[in-house]
C-alpha atoms as a PDB file:
ATOM      1  CA  UNK A   1      57.143  31.248 208.024  1.00  0.00           C
ATOM      2  CA  UNK A   2      57.166  29.138 204.970  1.00  0.00           C
ATOM      3  CA  UNK A   3      56.405  30.708 201.350  1.00  0.00           C
ATOM      4  CA  UNK A   4      56.293  28.062 198.536  1.00  0.00           C
ATOM      5  CA  UNK A   5      56.499  28.608 194.708  1.00  0.00           C
ATOM      6  CA  UNK A   6      54.782  25.905 192.479  1.00  0.00           C
ATOM      7  CA  UNK A   7      53.301  28.001 189.112  1.00  0.00           C
ATOM      8  CA  UNK A   8      51.587  25.750 186.975  1.00  0.00           C
ATOM      9  CA  UNK A   9      53.164  25.259 183.450  1.00  0.00           C
ATOM     10  CA  UNK A  10      50.603  27.156 181.728  1.00  0.00           C
ATOM     11  CA  UNK A  11      51.050  29.792 184.205  1.00  0.00           C
ATOM     12  CA  UNK A  12      54.858  29.930 183.077  1.00  0.00           C
ATOM     13  CA  UNK A  13      54.334  29.646 179.383  1.00  0.00           C
ATOM     14  CA  UNK A  14      51.729  32.413 179.169  1.00  0.00           C
ATOM     15  CA  UNK A  15      53.841  34.769 181.618  1.00  0.00           C
ATOM     16  CA  UNK A  16      56.972  34.320 178.959  1.00  0.00           C
ATOM     17  CA  UNK A  17      54.924  35.102 176.606  1.00  0.00           C
ATOM     18  CA  UNK A  18      53.407  37.934 177.432  1.00  0.00           C
ATOM     19  CA  UNK A  19      56.607  39.447 179.255  1.00  0.00           C
ATOM     20  CA  UNK A  20      58.504  38.500 175.189  1.00  0.00           C
ATOM     21  CA  UNK A  21      55.755  40.086 173.728  1.00  0.00           C
ATOM     22  CA  UNK A  22      55.746  43.490 175.874  1.00  0.00           C
ATOM     23  CA  UNK A  23      59.914  43.516 175.642  1.00  0.00           C
ATOM     24  CA  UNK A  24      59.810  43.448 171.822  1.00  0.00           C
ATOM     25  CA  UNK A  25      57.174  45.896 171.815  1.00  0.00           C
ATOM     26  CA  UNK A  26      59.288  48.086 173.780  1.00  0.00           C
ATOM     27  CA  UNK A  27      62.656  47.729 171.857  1.00  0.00           C
ATOM     28  CA  UNK A  28      60.365  48.194 168.451  1.00  0.00           C
ATOM     29  CA  UNK A  29      59.425  51.180 169.999  1.00  0.00           C
ATOM     30  CA  UNK A  30      62.898  52.117 170.501  1.00  0.00           C
ATOM     31  CA  UNK A  31      63.325  51.791 167.200  1.00  0.00           C
ATOM     32  CA  UNK A  32      61.537  54.019 165.858  1.00  0.00           C
ATOM     33  CA  UNK A  33      62.564  56.479 167.978  1.00  0.00           C
ATOM     34  CA  UNK A  34      66.080  56.187 166.967  1.00  0.00           C
ATOM     35  CA  UNK A  35      64.952  56.316 163.105  1.00  0.00           C
ATOM     36  CA  UNK A  36      63.151  59.583 163.792  1.00  0.00           C
ATOM     37  CA  UNK A  37      66.147  61.048 165.786  1.00  0.00           C
ATOM     38  CA  UNK A  38      67.952  60.528 162.780  1.00  0.00           C
ATOM     39  CA  UNK A  39      65.355  61.557 160.046  1.00  0.00           C
ATOM     40  CA  UNK A  40      65.380  65.026 162.316  1.00  0.00           C
ATOM     41  CA  UNK A  41      68.872  65.237 162.338  1.00  0.00           C
ATOM     42  CA  UNK A  42      69.072  64.965 158.758  1.00  0.00           C
ATOM     43  CA  UNK A  43      66.846  67.120 158.314  1.00  0.00           C
ATOM     44  CA  UNK A  44      68.517  69.625 160.630  1.00  0.00           C
ATOM     45  CA  UNK A  45      71.823  69.282 158.154  1.00  0.00           C
ATOM     46  CA  UNK A  46      70.283  69.365 155.208  1.00  0.00           C
ATOM     47  CA  UNK A  47      69.025  72.965 156.279  1.00  0.00           C
ATOM     48  CA  UNK A  48      72.501  73.626 156.827  1.00  0.00           C
ATOM     49  CA  UNK A  49      73.501  73.045 153.282  1.00  0.00           C
ATOM     50  CA  UNK A  50      73.187  74.872 150.015  1.00  0.00           C
ATOM     51  CA  UNK A  51      70.873  74.657 147.430  1.00  0.00           C
ATOM     52  CA  UNK A  52      71.191  72.131 145.031  1.00  0.00           C
ATOM     53  CA  UNK A  53      69.413  71.651 141.634  1.00  0.00           C
ATOM     54  CA  UNK A  54      66.518  69.424 141.137  1.00  0.00           C
ATOM     55  CA  UNK A  55      67.640  67.132 138.575  1.00  0.00           C
ATOM     56  CA  UNK A  56      66.049  67.263 135.036  1.00  0.00           C
ATOM     57  CA  UNK A  57      65.642  63.361 134.797  1.00  0.00           C
ATOM     58  CA  UNK A  58      64.024  60.918 136.951  1.00  0.00           C
ATOM     59  CA  UNK A  59      64.960  60.451 140.649  1.00  0.00           C
ATOM     60  CA  UNK A  60      64.253  59.301 143.836  1.00  0.00           C
ATOM     61  CA  UNK A  61      62.715  60.317 146.782  1.00  0.00           C
ATOM     62  CA  UNK A  62      65.034  58.677 149.350  1.00  0.00           C
ATOM     63  CA  UNK A  63      67.785  60.753 147.564  1.00  0.00           C
ATOM     64  CA  UNK A  64      66.564  64.304 147.564  1.00  0.00           C
ATOM     65  CA  UNK A  65      63.847  64.516 150.857  1.00  0.00           C
ATOM     66  CA  UNK A  66      64.551  67.417 153.037  1.00  0.00           C
ATOM     67  CA  UNK A  67      66.751  68.707 150.661  1.00  0.00           C
ATOM     68  CA  UNK A  68      66.795  71.930 149.934  1.00  0.00           C
ATOM     69  CA  UNK A  69      66.658  72.594 145.394  1.00  0.00           C
ATOM     70  CA  UNK A  70      66.040  74.944 143.255  1.00  0.00           C
ATOM     71  CA  UNK A  71      64.184  74.109 139.957  1.00  0.00           C
ATOM     72  CA  UNK A  72      63.773  76.485 136.700  1.00  0.00           C
ATOM     73  CA  UNK A  73      60.508  76.350 134.400  1.00  0.00           C
ATOM     74  CA  UNK A  74      56.815  77.270 133.740  1.00  0.00           C
ATOM     75  CA  UNK A  75      53.931  76.511 136.031  1.00  0.00           C
ATOM     76  CA  UNK A  76      51.359  74.674 134.465  1.00  0.00           C
ATOM     77  CA  UNK A  77      47.865  76.802 136.231  1.00  0.00           C
ATOM     78  CA  UNK A  78      45.294  74.559 134.345  1.00  0.00           C
ATOM     79  CA  UNK A  79      46.189  71.401 136.542  1.00  0.00           C
ATOM     80  CA  UNK A  80      46.759  73.474 139.410  1.00  0.00           C
ATOM     81  CA  UNK A  81      44.609  72.067 142.062  1.00  0.00           C
ATOM     82  CA  UNK A  82      43.004  73.438 146.107  1.00  0.00           C
ATOM     83  CA  UNK A  83      43.674  71.317 148.973  1.00  0.00           C
ATOM     84  CA  UNK A  84      40.356  71.312 151.276  1.00  0.00           C
ATOM     85  CA  UNK A  85      40.562  71.954 154.884  1.00  0.00           C
ATOM     86  CA  UNK A  86      43.686  73.672 155.283  1.00  0.00           C
ATOM     87  CA  UNK A  87      44.225  75.463 158.986  1.00  0.00           C
ATOM     88  CA  UNK A  88      46.747  78.747 159.376  1.00  0.00           C
ATOM     89  CA  UNK A  89      46.441  80.546 162.585  1.00  0.00           C
ATOM     90  CA  UNK A  90      43.131  78.827 163.254  1.00  0.00           C
ATOM     91  CA  UNK A  91      41.953  80.023 159.634  1.00  0.00           C
ATOM     92  CA  UNK A  92      40.367  77.967 157.003  1.00  0.00           C
ATOM     93  CA  UNK A  93      41.530  77.761 153.986  1.00  0.00           C
ATOM     94  CA  UNK A  94      43.454  76.246 150.772  1.00  0.00           C
ATOM     95  CA  UNK A  95      46.797  74.580 149.989  1.00  0.00           C
ATOM     96  CA  UNK A  96      47.539  75.555 146.301  1.00  0.00           C
ATOM     97  CA  UNK A  97      49.352  72.751 144.585  1.00  0.00           C
ATOM     98  CA  UNK A  98      50.957  73.206 140.850  1.00  0.00           C
ATOM     99  CA  UNK A  99      52.503  71.550 138.482  1.00  0.00           C
ATOM    100  CA  UNK A 100      55.970  73.212 137.161  1.00  0.00           C
ATOM    101  CA  UNK A 101      57.178  72.328 134.093  1.00  0.00           C
ATOM    102  CA  UNK A 102      60.996  72.008 134.431  1.00  0.00           C
ATOM    103  CA  UNK A 103      63.307  74.082 132.124  1.00  0.00           C
ATOM    104  CA  UNK A 104      64.997  71.816 129.087  1.00  0.00           C
ATOM    105  CA  UNK A 105      62.836  68.272 130.334  1.00  0.00           C
ATOM    106  CA  UNK A 106      59.677  66.953 129.579  1.00  0.00           C
ATOM    107  CA  UNK A 107      59.306  66.248 133.200  1.00  0.00           C
ATOM    108  CA  UNK A 108      56.955  68.099 135.814  1.00  0.00           C
ATOM    109  CA  UNK A 109      57.759  68.915 139.622  1.00  0.00           C
ATOM    110  CA  UNK A 110      54.409  69.613 141.879  1.00  0.00           C
ATOM    111  CA  UNK A 111      54.308  72.382 144.078  1.00  0.00           C
ATOM    112  CA  UNK A 112      52.891  73.338 147.174  1.00  0.00           C
ATOM    113  CA  UNK A 113      53.116  76.939 146.271  1.00  0.00           C
ATOM    114  CA  UNK A 114      51.549  77.641 149.913  1.00  0.00           C
ATOM    115  CA  UNK A 115      48.085  78.634 151.850  1.00  0.00           C
ATOM    116  CA  UNK A 116      45.360  81.317 151.303  1.00  0.00           C
ATOM    117  CA  UNK A 117      42.091  81.506 152.884  1.00  0.00           C
ATOM    118  CA  UNK A 118      38.833  80.609 151.884  1.00  0.00           C
ATOM    119  CA  UNK A 119      35.916  83.103 150.941  1.00  0.00           C
ATOM    120  CA  UNK A 120      32.429  83.226 153.017  1.00  0.00           C
ATOM    121  CA  UNK A 121      31.078  81.727 150.197  1.00  0.00           C
ATOM    122  CA  UNK A 122      32.543  78.232 150.070  1.00  0.00           C
ATOM    123  CA  UNK A 123      31.351  78.321 146.118  1.00  0.00           C
ATOM    124  CA  UNK A 124      34.173  80.314 144.647  1.00  0.00           C
ATOM    125  CA  UNK A 125      37.747  79.767 145.225  1.00  0.00           C
ATOM    126  CA  UNK A 126      40.023  82.057 145.014  1.00  0.00           C
ATOM    127  CA  UNK A 127      41.942  83.751 142.346  1.00  0.00           C
ATOM    128  CA  UNK A 128      45.600  82.607 142.144  1.00  0.00           C
ATOM    129  CA  UNK A 129      48.153  84.747 140.584  1.00  0.00           C
ATOM    130  CA  UNK A 130      50.601  82.974 138.056  1.00  0.00           C
ATOM    131  CA  UNK A 131      53.129  84.314 136.780  1.00  0.00           C
ATOM    132  CA  UNK A 132      53.791  83.977 132.861  1.00  0.00           C
ATOM    133  CA  UNK A 133      57.263  82.497 131.132  1.00  0.00           C
ATOM    134  CA  UNK A 134      60.114  80.621 132.967  1.00  0.00           C
ATOM    135  CA  UNK A 135      60.632  81.045 136.749  1.00  0.00           C
ATOM    136  CA  UNK A 136      62.871  79.957 139.794  1.00  0.00           C
ATOM    137  CA  UNK A 137      61.357  78.173 142.271  1.00  0.00           C
ATOM    138  CA  UNK A 138      62.791  77.096 145.818  1.00  0.00           C
ATOM    139  CA  UNK A 139      61.719  75.339 148.204  1.00  0.00           C
ATOM    140  CA  UNK A 140      61.939  71.979 149.784  1.00  0.00           C
ATOM    141  CA  UNK A 141      61.316  68.111 148.909  1.00  0.00           C
ATOM    142  CA  UNK A 142      58.604  66.228 150.743  1.00  0.00           C
ATOM    143  CA  UNK A 143      56.856  62.784 150.311  1.00  0.00           C
ATOM    144  CA  UNK A 144      53.836  63.299 147.754  1.00  0.00           C
ATOM    145  CA  UNK A 145      51.496  61.899 150.413  1.00  0.00           C
ATOM    146  CA  UNK A 146      49.503  64.270 151.861  1.00  0.00           C
ATOM    147  CA  UNK A 147      46.122  63.078 154.477  1.00  0.00           C
ATOM    148  CA  UNK A 148      44.060  64.540 155.891  1.00  0.00           C
ATOM    149  CA  UNK A 149      40.854  62.544 157.170  1.00  0.00           C
ATOM    150  CA  UNK A 150      37.933  62.648 154.975  1.00  0.00           C
ATOM    151  CA  UNK A 151      34.551  61.401 155.341  1.00  0.00           C
ATOM    152  CA  UNK A 152      33.324  60.379 152.072  1.00  0.00           C
ATOM    153  CA  UNK A 153      34.837  58.273 148.873  1.00  0.00           C
ATOM    154  CA  UNK A 154      34.768  61.226 146.971  1.00  0.00           C
ATOM    155  CA  UNK A 155      38.430  62.746 146.402  1.00  0.00           C
ATOM    156  CA  UNK A 156      38.109  65.602 144.154  1.00  0.00           C
ATOM    157  CA  UNK A 157      35.704  67.602 142.817  1.00  0.00           C
ATOM    158  CA  UNK A 158      36.852  69.324 139.407  1.00  0.00           C
ATOM    159  CA  UNK A 159      40.309  71.285 141.160  1.00  0.00           C
ATOM    160  CA  UNK A 160      38.939  71.120 144.474  1.00  0.00           C
ATOM    161  CA  UNK A 161      40.285  68.085 146.303  1.00  0.00           C
ATOM    162  CA  UNK A 162      40.382  66.416 150.291  1.00  0.00           C
ATOM    163  CA  UNK A 163      43.913  64.684 150.345  1.00  0.00           C
ATOM    164  CA  UNK A 164      46.126  64.770 147.635  1.00  0.00           C
ATOM    165  CA  UNK A 165      46.419  60.741 145.737  1.00  0.00           C
ATOM    166  CA  UNK A 166      49.537  61.388 143.871  1.00  0.00           C
ATOM    167  CA  UNK A 167      48.518  58.610 141.331  1.00  0.00           C
ATOM    168  CA  UNK A 168      45.035  59.437 140.545  1.00  0.00           C
ATOM    169  CA  UNK A 169      46.872  62.996 140.075  1.00  0.00           C
ATOM    170  CA  UNK A 170      49.488  62.096 137.746  1.00  0.00           C
ATOM    171  CA  UNK A 171      46.370  60.067 135.862  1.00  0.00           C
ATOM    172  CA  UNK A 172      44.041  62.551 135.871  1.00  0.00           C
ATOM    173  CA  UNK A 173      46.477  65.207 133.905  1.00  0.00           C
ATOM    174  CA  UNK A 174      48.945  62.670 132.092  1.00  0.00           C
ATOM    175  CA  UNK A 175      51.781  64.730 133.368  1.00  0.00           C
ATOM    176  CA  UNK A 176      55.064  62.717 133.454  1.00  0.00           C
ATOM    177  CA  UNK A 177      56.223  63.908 137.714  1.00  0.00           C
ATOM    178  CA  UNK A 178      58.998  63.686 139.731  1.00  0.00           C
ATOM    179  CA  UNK A 179      58.196  61.562 142.812  1.00  0.00           C
ATOM    180  CA  UNK A 180      58.087  64.867 145.123  1.00  0.00           C
ATOM    181  CA  UNK A 181      55.874  67.243 146.252  1.00  0.00           C
ATOM    182  CA  UNK A 182      58.220  70.560 146.308  1.00  0.00           C
ATOM    183  CA  UNK A 183      57.269  73.094 149.017  1.00  0.00           C
ATOM    184  CA  UNK A 184      57.938  76.336 147.513  1.00  0.00           C
ATOM    185  CA  UNK A 185      60.073  78.756 150.362  1.00  0.00           C
ATOM    186  CA  UNK A 186      60.850  81.638 148.053  1.00  0.00           C
ATOM    187  CA  UNK A 187      58.855  85.013 148.171  1.00  0.00           C
ATOM    188  CA  UNK A 188      60.270  86.462 145.405  1.00  0.00           C
ATOM    189  CA  UNK A 189      56.695  85.898 143.795  1.00  0.00           C
ATOM    190  CA  UNK A 190      53.983  88.027 144.481  1.00  0.00           C
ATOM    191  CA  UNK A 191      50.870  86.224 144.776  1.00  0.00           C
ATOM    192  CA  UNK A 192      49.983  86.780 148.531  1.00  0.00           C
ATOM    193  CA  UNK A 193      50.478  83.116 149.345  1.00  0.00           C
ATOM    194  CA  UNK A 194      51.947  82.408 152.455  1.00  0.00           C
ATOM    195  CA  UNK A 195      54.837  79.761 153.037  1.00  0.00           C
ATOM    196  CA  UNK A 196      55.466  79.467 156.530  1.00  0.00           C
ATOM    197  CA  UNK A 197      56.110  75.836 156.675  1.00  0.00           C
ATOM    198  CA  UNK A 198      55.963  74.667 160.103  1.00  0.00           C
ATOM    199  CA  UNK A 199      59.320  72.351 160.625  1.00  0.00           C
ATOM    200  CA  UNK A 200      57.839  68.970 162.836  1.00  0.00           C
ATOM    201  CA  UNK A 201      60.273  67.954 165.589  1.00  0.00           C
ATOM    202  CA  UNK A 202      61.676  64.599 165.870  1.00  0.00           C
ATOM    203  CA  UNK A 203      58.409  62.523 167.539  1.00  0.00           C
ATOM    204  CA  UNK A 204      60.786  60.625 169.110  1.00  0.00           C
ATOM    205  CA  UNK A 205      59.347  61.294 172.370  1.00  0.00           C
ATOM    206  CA  UNK A 206      56.412  59.735 172.166  1.00  0.00           C
ATOM    207  CA  UNK A 207      58.192  56.287 170.656  1.00  0.00           C
ATOM    208  CA  UNK A 208      60.230  56.702 174.010  1.00  0.00           C
ATOM    209  CA  UNK A 209      56.809  57.448 176.587  1.00  0.00           C
ATOM    210  CA  UNK A 210      55.301  54.080 174.318  1.00  0.00           C
ATOM    211  CA  UNK A 211      58.651  52.264 175.036  1.00  0.00           C
ATOM    212  CA  UNK A 212      58.119  52.761 178.536  1.00  0.00           C
ATOM    213  CA  UNK A 213      54.594  51.754 178.847  1.00  0.00           C
ATOM    214  CA  UNK A 214      55.489  48.098 176.997  1.00  0.00           C
ATOM    215  CA  UNK A 215      58.205  47.894 179.598  1.00  0.00           C
ATOM    216  CA  UNK A 216      56.098  49.008 182.485  1.00  0.00           C
ATOM    217  CA  UNK A 217      53.421  46.053 181.102  1.00  0.00           C
ATOM    218  CA  UNK A 218      56.753  43.605 181.100  1.00  0.00           C
ATOM    219  CA  UNK A 219      57.471  44.396 184.997  1.00  0.00           C
ATOM    220  CA  UNK A 220      53.696  44.067 186.458  1.00  0.00           C
ATOM    221  CA  UNK A 221      52.962  40.743 184.324  1.00  0.00           C
ATOM    222  CA  UNK A 222      56.044  39.872 186.453  1.00  0.00           C
ATOM    223  CA  UNK A 223      54.720  40.883 189.436  1.00  0.00           C
ATOM    224  CA  UNK A 224      51.529  39.602 189.252  1.00  0.00           C
ATOM    225  CA  UNK A 225      52.525  35.921 188.384  1.00  0.00           C
ATOM    226  CA  UNK A 226      54.916  36.022 191.246  1.00  0.00           C
ATOM    227  CA  UNK A 227      52.492  37.297 193.661  1.00  0.00           C
ATOM    228  CA  UNK A 228      49.758  34.605 192.771  1.00  0.00           C
ATOM    229  CA  UNK A 229      51.988  31.605 192.873  1.00  0.00           C
ATOM    230  CA  UNK A 230      54.492  32.555 195.997  1.00  0.00           C
ATOM    231  CA  UNK A 231      51.744  30.735 198.669  1.00  0.00           C
ATOM    232  CA  UNK A 232      52.043  30.486 202.915  1.00  0.00           C
ATOM    233  CA  UNK A 233      52.734  27.317 203.627  1.00  0.00           C
ATOM    234  CA  UNK A 234      49.729  26.679 206.175  1.00  0.00           C
ATOM    235  CA  UNK A 235      50.969  23.768 208.702  1.00  0.00           C
ATOM    236  CA  UNK A 236      49.106  22.355 211.970  1.00  0.00           C
ATOM    237  CA  UNK A 237      50.811  22.501 215.184  1.00  0.00           C
END
């Protein structure tokens, strides 16, 4: 039994385009997975390294991201904010962010001091203890971009913020800030705040899964093209 393969030119072109697109998307997802693995390895490496002092001069986020640093300074309670809708072990609460005036510097660093549960009366924010005078804070440097779902355009309501808009915070407070957010780790300050930061996994497995899907789409496209264009010869005897 004879078969013939005579696809139309436009079918060949469209198939090639789709296969190319799906393949490129697959390799892009693999590159994203590799980037996340490298970032995760860097985080693991920094956790084993000694704590370094945060400079009192301007820094770049990428030079210190995920590093453990320590800094001396004084908390400015007046510019503290409450990030709303933060969940810890199924309980709703707030993350408390407060600027620390770096000792012997005009710069400040924004510190995520930890989590506290909200009360039944949502109109009353919990009172937070702030140590007086100079303190030493140890923490992990992260990006100052914190995003959660926002149902309205309103970002702030006094001290209560839905998301941290770093540029807006600088503009509102007028403070000169290092371009980082410091996740406070030490518990030397007895303030009742919970600082059990979750160390995220690399997330690379998700990208690998997406890559497999794109490659399967490329293979499926090729199979469909062959099935539709390989036809049996009809001959009369």
